[in-house]
Amino acid sequence: MWTTKKKIYYILYVITAKWLPESRHMKIAKKLRGFWARRVISDMGTSVNVERGARFSPELKIGSHSGIGINAELYGPVIIGERVLMGPEVIAYTQNHKHEQGIEFGKQGYEDVKPVKIGNNVWIGRRAMFMPGSEVGNNVVVAAGAIVTKKFPSDVIVGGVPAKIIEPTRKQELK
């Protein structure tokens, strides 16, 4: 959760995340963002790349050799496996507003938190969105712009709104 120390580290991270260029343009930018992000994220593997403008909360868990894309938003308990490639502007929601009839929306509060889980060796395209409780298995490709609303098995390609299995990966076809 947000301790005072983590809040200070996050402020320092935001300053470096906003003004430093993308990692491919300046290696020191990658190192500085990673340095401050490591002090905020609850569980962060080795060789994790945190790109410019990425936002997250301390509940994030991310495996080794994975990356958080440019301007990504990963709030709440988001669990990302190892070797995950993430395109720009990926969003993971872990909580929705309640929506009951007869009560003003602003007074209804929120539904329960439901973690988002992303397996190992996953490729996530630009502006993909993960809704509360959604999951993708290992060796999955999530197409750009997909809205993942449910659980998907390993070894598939998913895309669309809402996301559905487009086709099995080559590995799945060989089984």
N, C-alpha and C. Protein backbone atom coordinates (compact mmCIF):
# COMPACT_ATOMS: atom_id res chain seq x y z
N MET A 1 0.83 -1.19 0.00
CA MET A 1 0.00 0.00 0.00
C MET A 1 0.88 1.25 0.00
N TRP A 2 0.23 2.36 0.05
CA TRP A 2 0.93 3.65 -0.05
C TRP A 2 1.47 4.11 1.30
N THR A 3 2.70 3.82 1.61
CA THR A 3 3.35 4.38 2.78
C THR A 3 3.87 5.75 2.41
N THR A 4 4.22 6.55 3.40
CA THR A 4 4.78 7.87 3.13
C THR A 4 6.05 7.76 2.29
N LYS A 5 6.87 6.80 2.60
CA LYS A 5 8.11 6.59 1.86
C LYS A 5 7.82 6.26 0.39
N LYS A 6 6.84 5.37 0.15
CA LYS A 6 6.49 5.01 -1.23
C LYS A 6 5.91 6.20 -1.98
N LYS A 7 5.16 7.05 -1.28
CA LYS A 7 4.61 8.24 -1.92
C LYS A 7 5.73 9.17 -2.39
N ILE A 8 6.74 9.33 -1.58
CA ILE A 8 7.89 10.17 -1.96
C ILE A 8 8.61 9.55 -3.15
N TYR A 9 8.85 8.24 -3.09
CA TYR A 9 9.50 7.56 -4.21
C TYR A 9 8.66 7.68 -5.48
N TYR A 10 7.34 7.58 -5.34
CA TYR A 10 6.49 7.67 -6.52
C TYR A 10 6.56 9.07 -7.13
N ILE A 11 6.59 10.09 -6.31
CA ILE A 11 6.73 11.47 -6.81
C ILE A 11 8.04 11.61 -7.58
N LEU A 12 9.11 11.06 -7.03
CA LEU A 12 10.40 11.10 -7.73
C LEU A 12 10.34 10.30 -9.03
N TYR A 13 9.65 9.17 -9.00
CA TYR A 13 9.48 8.38 -10.22
C TYR A 13 8.71 9.20 -11.26
N VAL A 14 7.60 9.82 -10.86
CA VAL A 14 6.77 10.57 -11.81
C VAL A 14 7.57 11.70 -12.46
N ILE A 15 8.38 12.37 -11.68
CA ILE A 15 9.22 13.43 -12.24
C ILE A 15 10.15 12.86 -13.32
N THR A 16 10.80 11.74 -13.02
CA THR A 16 11.71 11.15 -14.01
C THR A 16 10.93 10.53 -15.17
N ALA A 17 9.77 9.95 -14.90
CA ALA A 17 9.00 9.28 -15.94
C ALA A 17 8.44 10.27 -16.95
N LYS A 18 8.08 11.45 -16.49
CA LYS A 18 7.44 12.42 -17.36
C LYS A 18 8.43 13.15 -18.26
N TRP A 19 9.59 13.47 -17.73
CA TRP A 19 10.51 14.35 -18.47
C TRP A 19 11.63 13.63 -19.21
N LEU A 20 11.94 12.43 -18.82
CA LEU A 20 13.03 11.73 -19.49
C LEU A 20 12.51 11.06 -20.77
N PRO A 21 13.34 10.99 -21.81
CA PRO A 21 12.89 10.38 -23.06
C PRO A 21 12.72 8.87 -22.95
N GLU A 22 12.18 8.27 -24.01
CA GLU A 22 11.97 6.83 -24.07
C GLU A 22 13.31 6.10 -23.88
N SER A 23 13.23 4.88 -23.41
CA SER A 23 14.42 4.09 -23.12
C SER A 23 15.32 3.89 -24.33
N ARG A 24 14.73 3.73 -25.51
CA ARG A 24 15.53 3.49 -26.70
C ARG A 24 16.36 4.71 -27.10
N HIS A 25 15.97 5.89 -26.61
CA HIS A 25 16.71 7.10 -26.95
C HIS A 25 17.77 7.47 -25.91
N MET A 26 17.59 6.99 -24.70
CA MET A 26 18.52 7.36 -23.64
C MET A 26 18.53 6.27 -22.57
N LYS A 27 19.62 5.52 -22.49
CA LYS A 27 19.71 4.39 -21.55
C LYS A 27 19.67 4.86 -20.10
N ILE A 28 20.21 6.04 -19.80
CA ILE A 28 20.19 6.53 -18.41
C ILE A 28 18.75 6.80 -17.97
N ALA A 29 17.87 7.18 -18.90
CA ALA A 29 16.46 7.40 -18.57
C ALA A 29 15.83 6.09 -18.10
N LYS A 30 16.14 5.00 -18.80
CA LYS A 30 15.63 3.68 -18.42
C LYS A 30 16.10 3.32 -17.02
N LYS A 31 17.36 3.57 -16.73
CA LYS A 31 17.91 3.22 -15.41
C LYS A 31 17.29 4.06 -14.30
N LEU A 32 17.10 5.36 -14.53
CA LEU A 32 16.51 6.22 -13.50
C LEU A 32 15.05 5.85 -13.22
N ARG A 33 14.28 5.62 -14.27
CA ARG A 33 12.88 5.21 -14.05
C ARG A 33 12.82 3.88 -13.30
N GLY A 34 13.68 2.95 -13.70
CA GLY A 34 13.72 1.65 -13.03
C GLY A 34 14.12 1.76 -11.57
N PHE A 35 15.09 2.64 -11.29
CA PHE A 35 15.56 2.85 -9.92
C PHE A 35 14.41 3.29 -9.01
N TRP A 36 13.64 4.30 -9.43
CA TRP A 36 12.54 4.79 -8.59
C TRP A 36 11.35 3.83 -8.59
N ALA A 37 11.06 3.22 -9.74
CA ALA A 37 9.93 2.28 -9.80
C ALA A 37 10.15 1.10 -8.87
N ARG A 38 11.39 0.61 -8.78
CA ARG A 38 11.70 -0.52 -7.91
C ARG A 38 11.37 -0.22 -6.45
N ARG A 39 11.41 1.04 -6.07
CA ARG A 39 11.13 1.43 -4.69
C ARG A 39 9.64 1.58 -4.41
N VAL A 40 8.83 1.54 -5.48
CA VAL A 40 7.38 1.67 -5.33
C VAL A 40 6.69 0.32 -5.54
N ILE A 41 7.06 -0.39 -6.58
CA ILE A 41 6.40 -1.65 -6.96
C ILE A 41 6.68 -2.74 -5.92
N SER A 42 5.64 -3.48 -5.52
CA SER A 42 5.79 -4.47 -4.44
C SER A 42 6.69 -5.64 -4.82
N ASP A 43 6.65 -6.07 -6.07
CA ASP A 43 7.46 -7.22 -6.49
C ASP A 43 7.88 -6.99 -7.94
N MET A 44 9.16 -6.72 -8.14
CA MET A 44 9.66 -6.39 -9.48
C MET A 44 10.89 -7.24 -9.76
N GLY A 45 10.82 -8.03 -10.85
CA GLY A 45 11.93 -8.89 -11.24
C GLY A 45 13.12 -8.10 -11.75
N THR A 46 14.09 -8.81 -12.31
CA THR A 46 15.28 -8.17 -12.85
C THR A 46 15.06 -7.77 -14.31
N SER A 47 15.82 -6.82 -14.75
CA SER A 47 15.79 -6.36 -16.14
C SER A 47 14.39 -5.96 -16.60
N VAL A 48 13.67 -5.24 -15.76
CA VAL A 48 12.34 -4.74 -16.11
C VAL A 48 12.49 -3.33 -16.68
N ASN A 49 11.85 -3.08 -17.80
CA ASN A 49 11.88 -1.76 -18.42
C ASN A 49 10.58 -1.03 -18.14
N VAL A 50 10.67 0.12 -17.51
CA VAL A 50 9.52 0.96 -17.24
C VAL A 50 9.64 2.16 -18.16
N GLU A 51 8.71 2.30 -19.09
CA GLU A 51 8.81 3.34 -20.11
C GLU A 51 8.24 4.68 -19.64
N ARG A 52 8.52 5.67 -20.44
CA ARG A 52 8.12 7.05 -20.17
C ARG A 52 6.61 7.16 -19.95
N GLY A 53 6.22 7.88 -18.91
CA GLY A 53 4.82 8.16 -18.64
C GLY A 53 4.01 7.03 -18.05
N ALA A 54 4.63 5.87 -17.80
CA ALA A 54 3.89 4.75 -17.21
C ALA A 54 3.47 5.08 -15.79
N ARG A 55 2.24 4.71 -15.44
CA ARG A 55 1.72 4.94 -14.09
C ARG A 55 1.25 3.61 -13.52
N PHE A 56 1.46 3.44 -12.22
CA PHE A 56 1.15 2.17 -11.57
C PHE A 56 1.01 2.42 -10.07
N SER A 57 0.53 1.40 -9.36
CA SER A 57 0.42 1.48 -7.91
C SER A 57 1.33 0.44 -7.28
N PRO A 58 1.56 0.54 -5.97
CA PRO A 58 2.47 -0.40 -5.31
C PRO A 58 2.05 -1.86 -5.40
N GLU A 59 0.76 -2.13 -5.66
CA GLU A 59 0.28 -3.51 -5.72
C GLU A 59 0.75 -4.25 -6.97
N LEU A 60 1.34 -3.54 -7.91
CA LEU A 60 1.83 -4.16 -9.15
C LEU A 60 2.91 -5.19 -8.84
N LYS A 61 2.82 -6.33 -9.53
CA LYS A 61 3.87 -7.36 -9.49
C LYS A 61 4.26 -7.63 -10.93
N ILE A 62 5.56 -7.60 -11.22
CA ILE A 62 6.01 -7.80 -12.59
C ILE A 62 7.26 -8.66 -12.61
N GLY A 63 7.26 -9.66 -13.48
CA GLY A 63 8.36 -10.60 -13.57
C GLY A 63 9.55 -10.07 -14.35
N SER A 64 10.61 -10.83 -14.31
CA SER A 64 11.87 -10.46 -14.96
C SER A 64 11.73 -10.37 -16.48
N HIS A 65 12.52 -9.48 -17.05
CA HIS A 65 12.62 -9.29 -18.50
C HIS A 65 11.30 -8.86 -19.12
N SER A 66 10.47 -8.18 -18.36
CA SER A 66 9.19 -7.66 -18.85
C SER A 66 9.28 -6.15 -18.97
N GLY A 67 8.29 -5.55 -19.58
CA GLY A 67 8.30 -4.10 -19.73
C GLY A 67 6.92 -3.52 -19.55
N ILE A 68 6.90 -2.29 -19.05
CA ILE A 68 5.67 -1.51 -18.92
C ILE A 68 5.74 -0.46 -20.02
N GLY A 69 4.75 -0.44 -20.91
CA GLY A 69 4.78 0.41 -22.09
C GLY A 69 4.62 1.89 -21.79
N ILE A 70 4.93 2.69 -22.80
CA ILE A 70 4.81 4.15 -22.72
C ILE A 70 3.37 4.51 -22.36
N ASN A 71 3.21 5.36 -21.36
CA ASN A 71 1.90 5.87 -20.90
C ASN A 71 0.92 4.78 -20.47
N ALA A 72 1.43 3.63 -20.04
CA ALA A 72 0.56 2.58 -19.52
C ALA A 72 -0.04 3.02 -18.18
N GLU A 73 -1.20 2.47 -17.85
CA GLU A 73 -1.86 2.72 -16.57
C GLU A 73 -2.19 1.37 -15.94
N LEU A 74 -1.50 1.05 -14.85
CA LEU A 74 -1.66 -0.25 -14.20
C LEU A 74 -1.90 -0.03 -12.71
N TYR A 75 -3.15 0.18 -12.34
CA TYR A 75 -3.48 0.47 -10.96
C TYR A 75 -4.14 -0.72 -10.29
N GLY A 76 -3.84 -0.90 -9.00
CA GLY A 76 -4.41 -2.00 -8.24
C GLY A 76 -3.57 -3.25 -8.40
N PRO A 77 -4.09 -4.37 -7.95
CA PRO A 77 -3.33 -5.62 -8.03
C PRO A 77 -3.27 -6.17 -9.45
N VAL A 78 -2.22 -5.80 -10.17
CA VAL A 78 -1.97 -6.30 -11.51
C VAL A 78 -0.75 -7.20 -11.41
N ILE A 79 -0.87 -8.43 -11.91
CA ILE A 79 0.22 -9.40 -11.84
C ILE A 79 0.67 -9.71 -13.26
N ILE A 80 1.91 -9.36 -13.57
CA ILE A 80 2.47 -9.54 -14.89
C ILE A 80 3.61 -10.55 -14.80
N GLY A 81 3.60 -11.54 -15.66
CA GLY A 81 4.61 -12.59 -15.65
C GLY A 81 5.95 -12.14 -16.21
N GLU A 82 6.76 -13.12 -16.55
CA GLU A 82 8.09 -12.86 -17.10
C GLU A 82 8.03 -12.76 -18.63
N ARG A 83 8.94 -12.00 -19.19
CA ARG A 83 9.09 -11.83 -20.64
C ARG A 83 7.80 -11.32 -21.29
N VAL A 84 7.20 -10.31 -20.70
CA VAL A 84 5.99 -9.70 -21.25
C VAL A 84 6.37 -8.41 -21.97
N LEU A 85 6.00 -8.34 -23.25
CA LEU A 85 6.21 -7.13 -24.04
C LEU A 85 4.90 -6.35 -24.07
N MET A 86 4.96 -5.09 -23.69
CA MET A 86 3.75 -4.28 -23.60
C MET A 86 3.88 -3.05 -24.48
N GLY A 87 2.93 -2.86 -25.38
CA GLY A 87 2.91 -1.69 -26.23
C GLY A 87 2.49 -0.45 -25.44
N PRO A 88 2.48 0.70 -26.10
CA PRO A 88 2.08 1.95 -25.45
C PRO A 88 0.61 1.96 -25.06
N GLU A 89 0.32 2.72 -24.03
CA GLU A 89 -1.04 3.07 -23.59
C GLU A 89 -1.92 1.88 -23.22
N VAL A 90 -1.30 0.82 -22.70
CA VAL A 90 -2.06 -0.33 -22.21
C VAL A 90 -2.65 0.05 -20.85
N ILE A 91 -3.88 -0.37 -20.61
CA ILE A 91 -4.58 -0.03 -19.36
C ILE A 91 -5.07 -1.30 -18.70
N ALA A 92 -4.91 -1.38 -17.39
CA ALA A 92 -5.47 -2.49 -16.60
C ALA A 92 -6.32 -1.90 -15.48
N TYR A 93 -7.61 -2.19 -15.54
CA TYR A 93 -8.54 -1.76 -14.49
C TYR A 93 -8.77 -2.93 -13.55
N THR A 94 -8.76 -2.69 -12.26
CA THR A 94 -9.03 -3.75 -11.29
C THR A 94 -10.29 -3.48 -10.46
N GLN A 95 -10.97 -2.38 -10.78
CA GLN A 95 -12.16 -2.03 -10.01
C GLN A 95 -13.08 -1.15 -10.86
N ASN A 96 -14.38 -1.38 -10.77
CA ASN A 96 -15.38 -0.57 -11.47
C ASN A 96 -16.22 0.22 -10.47
N HIS A 97 -16.89 1.25 -10.95
CA HIS A 97 -17.88 1.94 -10.14
C HIS A 97 -19.11 1.04 -10.03
N LYS A 98 -19.82 1.15 -8.92
CA LYS A 98 -21.10 0.46 -8.81
C LYS A 98 -22.09 1.19 -9.70
N HIS A 99 -23.13 0.48 -10.12
CA HIS A 99 -24.15 1.10 -10.97
C HIS A 99 -25.52 0.52 -10.63
N GLU A 100 -26.12 1.09 -9.59
CA GLU A 100 -27.43 0.66 -9.13
C GLU A 100 -28.47 1.72 -9.50
N GLN A 101 -29.64 1.28 -9.87
CA GLN A 101 -30.69 2.22 -10.23
C GLN A 101 -31.18 2.98 -9.00
N GLY A 102 -31.53 4.24 -9.21
CA GLY A 102 -32.13 5.05 -8.16
C GLY A 102 -31.13 5.74 -7.24
N ILE A 103 -29.84 5.53 -7.43
CA ILE A 103 -28.82 6.18 -6.61
C ILE A 103 -27.89 6.95 -7.54
N GLU A 104 -27.57 8.18 -7.16
CA GLU A 104 -26.65 8.96 -7.98
C GLU A 104 -25.34 8.21 -8.12
N PHE A 105 -24.78 8.23 -9.32
CA PHE A 105 -23.55 7.48 -9.57
C PHE A 105 -22.42 7.91 -8.64
N GLY A 106 -22.30 9.19 -8.38
CA GLY A 106 -21.24 9.69 -7.52
C GLY A 106 -21.32 9.24 -6.07
N LYS A 107 -22.47 8.71 -5.67
CA LYS A 107 -22.66 8.26 -4.29
C LYS A 107 -22.64 6.75 -4.13
N GLN A 108 -22.40 6.02 -5.21
CA GLN A 108 -22.50 4.56 -5.15
C GLN A 108 -21.22 3.86 -4.72
N GLY A 109 -20.09 4.50 -4.90
CA GLY A 109 -18.84 3.85 -4.52
C GLY A 109 -18.34 2.90 -5.58
N TYR A 110 -17.55 1.93 -5.14
CA TYR A 110 -16.89 1.02 -6.07
C TYR A 110 -17.24 -0.44 -5.78
N GLU A 111 -17.12 -1.27 -6.82
CA GLU A 111 -17.25 -2.71 -6.65
C GLU A 111 -15.97 -3.24 -6.02
N ASP A 112 -15.97 -4.52 -5.67
CA ASP A 112 -14.78 -5.15 -5.09
C ASP A 112 -13.64 -5.17 -6.11
N VAL A 113 -12.43 -5.12 -5.61
CA VAL A 113 -11.24 -5.19 -6.45
C VAL A 113 -11.08 -6.61 -6.97
N LYS A 114 -10.80 -6.73 -8.27
CA LYS A 114 -10.54 -8.03 -8.90
C LYS A 114 -9.22 -7.92 -9.65
N PRO A 115 -8.20 -8.67 -9.23
CA PRO A 115 -6.88 -8.56 -9.86
C PRO A 115 -6.90 -8.91 -11.35
N VAL A 116 -5.99 -8.31 -12.08
CA VAL A 116 -5.73 -8.64 -13.49
C VAL A 116 -4.46 -9.47 -13.51
N LYS A 117 -4.48 -10.58 -14.27
CA LYS A 117 -3.32 -11.48 -14.34
C LYS A 117 -2.89 -11.69 -15.78
N ILE A 118 -1.61 -11.50 -16.02
CA ILE A 118 -1.03 -11.68 -17.34
C ILE A 118 0.09 -12.70 -17.21
N GLY A 119 0.04 -13.77 -18.00
CA GLY A 119 1.00 -14.86 -17.90
C GLY A 119 2.39 -14.51 -18.40
N ASN A 120 3.21 -15.52 -18.61
CA ASN A 120 4.58 -15.37 -19.10
C ASN A 120 4.60 -15.36 -20.63
N ASN A 121 5.60 -14.67 -21.19
CA ASN A 121 5.81 -14.64 -22.63
C ASN A 121 4.55 -14.17 -23.36
N VAL A 122 4.08 -12.99 -22.98
CA VAL A 122 2.87 -12.42 -23.56
C VAL A 122 3.25 -11.14 -24.30
N TRP A 123 2.63 -10.93 -25.43
CA TRP A 123 2.85 -9.73 -26.24
C TRP A 123 1.53 -8.97 -26.26
N ILE A 124 1.53 -7.74 -25.73
CA ILE A 124 0.32 -6.93 -25.62
C ILE A 124 0.45 -5.73 -26.55
N GLY A 125 -0.49 -5.61 -27.49
CA GLY A 125 -0.47 -4.53 -28.46
C GLY A 125 -0.93 -3.20 -27.88
N ARG A 126 -0.69 -2.15 -28.63
CA ARG A 126 -1.02 -0.78 -28.24
C ARG A 126 -2.49 -0.64 -27.87
N ARG A 127 -2.73 0.09 -26.80
CA ARG A 127 -4.07 0.45 -26.31
C ARG A 127 -4.96 -0.74 -25.98
N ALA A 128 -4.37 -1.87 -25.69
CA ALA A 128 -5.17 -2.99 -25.18
C ALA A 128 -5.64 -2.63 -23.78
N MET A 129 -6.77 -3.15 -23.40
CA MET A 129 -7.35 -2.82 -22.10
C MET A 129 -7.76 -4.11 -21.40
N PHE A 130 -7.43 -4.21 -20.12
CA PHE A 130 -7.79 -5.36 -19.30
C PHE A 130 -8.78 -4.90 -18.24
N MET A 131 -9.93 -5.55 -18.19
CA MET A 131 -10.98 -5.21 -17.23
C MET A 131 -10.80 -6.02 -15.95
N PRO A 132 -11.45 -5.60 -14.84
CA PRO A 132 -11.28 -6.29 -13.56
C PRO A 132 -11.52 -7.79 -13.66
N GLY A 133 -10.59 -8.57 -13.10
CA GLY A 133 -10.71 -10.02 -13.06
C GLY A 133 -10.28 -10.73 -14.33
N SER A 134 -9.85 -10.00 -15.33
CA SER A 134 -9.45 -10.65 -16.59
C SER A 134 -8.08 -11.29 -16.45
N GLU A 135 -7.85 -12.31 -17.27
CA GLU A 135 -6.58 -13.05 -17.23
C GLU A 135 -6.23 -13.54 -18.63
N VAL A 136 -4.93 -13.58 -18.91
CA VAL A 136 -4.45 -14.27 -20.10
C VAL A 136 -3.35 -15.22 -19.65
N GLY A 137 -3.31 -16.39 -20.28
CA GLY A 137 -2.31 -17.41 -19.92
C GLY A 137 -0.95 -17.10 -20.50
N ASN A 138 -0.12 -18.12 -20.62
CA ASN A 138 1.23 -17.99 -21.16
C ASN A 138 1.21 -18.05 -22.69
N ASN A 139 2.23 -17.44 -23.29
CA ASN A 139 2.40 -17.48 -24.75
C ASN A 139 1.18 -16.95 -25.49
N VAL A 140 0.68 -15.82 -25.05
CA VAL A 140 -0.52 -15.22 -25.63
C VAL A 140 -0.15 -13.92 -26.33
N VAL A 141 -0.80 -13.65 -27.45
CA VAL A 141 -0.71 -12.36 -28.12
C VAL A 141 -2.05 -11.67 -27.91
N VAL A 142 -2.02 -10.45 -27.39
CA VAL A 142 -3.22 -9.63 -27.22
C VAL A 142 -3.14 -8.52 -28.26
N ALA A 143 -4.06 -8.53 -29.20
CA ALA A 143 -4.03 -7.58 -30.31
C ALA A 143 -4.21 -6.15 -29.83
N ALA A 144 -3.68 -5.22 -30.61
CA ALA A 144 -3.83 -3.80 -30.32
C ALA A 144 -5.31 -3.45 -30.25
N GLY A 145 -5.69 -2.67 -29.25
CA GLY A 145 -7.06 -2.22 -29.10
C GLY A 145 -8.02 -3.22 -28.51
N ALA A 146 -7.55 -4.41 -28.17
CA ALA A 146 -8.42 -5.44 -27.61
C ALA A 146 -8.90 -5.02 -26.22
N ILE A 147 -10.11 -5.41 -25.87
CA ILE A 147 -10.61 -5.20 -24.51
C ILE A 147 -10.85 -6.58 -23.92
N VAL A 148 -9.96 -6.96 -22.99
CA VAL A 148 -9.98 -8.28 -22.37
C VAL A 148 -10.92 -8.21 -21.17
N THR A 149 -12.00 -8.99 -21.23
CA THR A 149 -13.02 -8.94 -20.19
C THR A 149 -13.16 -10.24 -19.40
N LYS A 150 -12.43 -11.29 -19.82
CA LYS A 150 -12.58 -12.59 -19.17
C LYS A 150 -11.23 -13.32 -19.15
N LYS A 151 -11.26 -14.60 -18.80
CA LYS A 151 -10.04 -15.40 -18.73
C LYS A 151 -9.80 -16.10 -20.07
N PHE A 152 -8.53 -16.10 -20.50
CA PHE A 152 -8.14 -16.79 -21.73
C PHE A 152 -7.04 -17.78 -21.41
N PRO A 153 -7.05 -18.94 -22.11
CA PRO A 153 -6.03 -19.96 -21.87
C PRO A 153 -4.68 -19.56 -22.48
N SER A 154 -3.70 -20.40 -22.30
CA SER A 154 -2.38 -20.20 -22.89
C SER A 154 -2.42 -20.52 -24.38
N ASP A 155 -1.40 -20.05 -25.09
CA ASP A 155 -1.15 -20.40 -26.48
C ASP A 155 -2.26 -19.99 -27.45
N VAL A 156 -2.76 -18.76 -27.29
CA VAL A 156 -3.79 -18.25 -28.20
C VAL A 156 -3.47 -16.81 -28.59
N ILE A 157 -4.14 -16.34 -29.62
CA ILE A 157 -4.11 -14.94 -30.01
C ILE A 157 -5.51 -14.41 -29.78
N VAL A 158 -5.62 -13.31 -29.01
CA VAL A 158 -6.92 -12.74 -28.72
C VAL A 158 -6.99 -11.31 -29.24
N GLY A 159 -8.18 -10.89 -29.61
CA GLY A 159 -8.38 -9.53 -30.10
C GLY A 159 -9.84 -9.21 -30.21
N GLY A 160 -10.15 -7.95 -30.38
CA GLY A 160 -11.53 -7.51 -30.57
C GLY A 160 -12.09 -6.84 -29.34
N VAL A 161 -13.36 -6.39 -29.50
CA VAL A 161 -14.08 -5.69 -28.44
C VAL A 161 -15.45 -6.33 -28.30
N PRO A 162 -15.71 -7.11 -27.27
CA PRO A 162 -14.74 -7.62 -26.30
C PRO A 162 -13.82 -8.65 -26.96
N ALA A 163 -12.70 -8.89 -26.34
CA ALA A 163 -11.71 -9.82 -26.90
C ALA A 163 -12.27 -11.24 -26.96
N LYS A 164 -11.86 -11.93 -28.01
CA LYS A 164 -12.19 -13.34 -28.18
C LYS A 164 -10.96 -14.00 -28.80
N ILE A 165 -10.94 -15.32 -28.81
CA ILE A 165 -9.82 -16.03 -29.41
C ILE A 165 -9.93 -15.88 -30.92
N ILE A 166 -8.88 -15.32 -31.51
CA ILE A 166 -8.83 -15.16 -32.96
C ILE A 166 -8.32 -16.44 -33.59
N GLU A 167 -7.24 -16.97 -33.01
CA GLU A 167 -6.69 -18.23 -33.49
C GLU A 167 -5.70 -18.77 -32.46
N PRO A 168 -5.48 -20.08 -32.51
CA PRO A 168 -4.43 -20.62 -31.64
C PRO A 168 -3.07 -20.22 -32.18
N THR A 169 -2.10 -20.14 -31.31
CA THR A 169 -0.73 -19.90 -31.77
C THR A 169 -0.20 -21.16 -32.41
N ARG A 170 0.92 -21.09 -33.06
CA ARG A 170 1.54 -22.25 -33.70
C ARG A 170 1.76 -23.38 -32.70
N LYS A 171 2.16 -23.01 -31.48
CA LYS A 171 2.40 -24.02 -30.44
C LYS A 171 1.13 -24.80 -30.14
N GLN A 172 -0.01 -24.12 -30.05
CA GLN A 172 -1.29 -24.76 -29.78
C GLN A 172 -1.68 -25.69 -30.93
N GLU A 173 -1.41 -25.27 -32.17
CA GLU A 173 -1.76 -26.09 -33.33
C GLU A 173 -0.99 -27.42 -33.33
N LEU A 174 0.21 -27.42 -32.78
CA LEU A 174 1.05 -28.62 -32.77
C LEU A 174 0.62 -29.64 -31.73
N LYS A 175 -0.20 -29.26 -30.78
CA LYS A 175 -0.61 -30.17 -29.69
C LYS A 175 -1.53 -31.25 -30.21
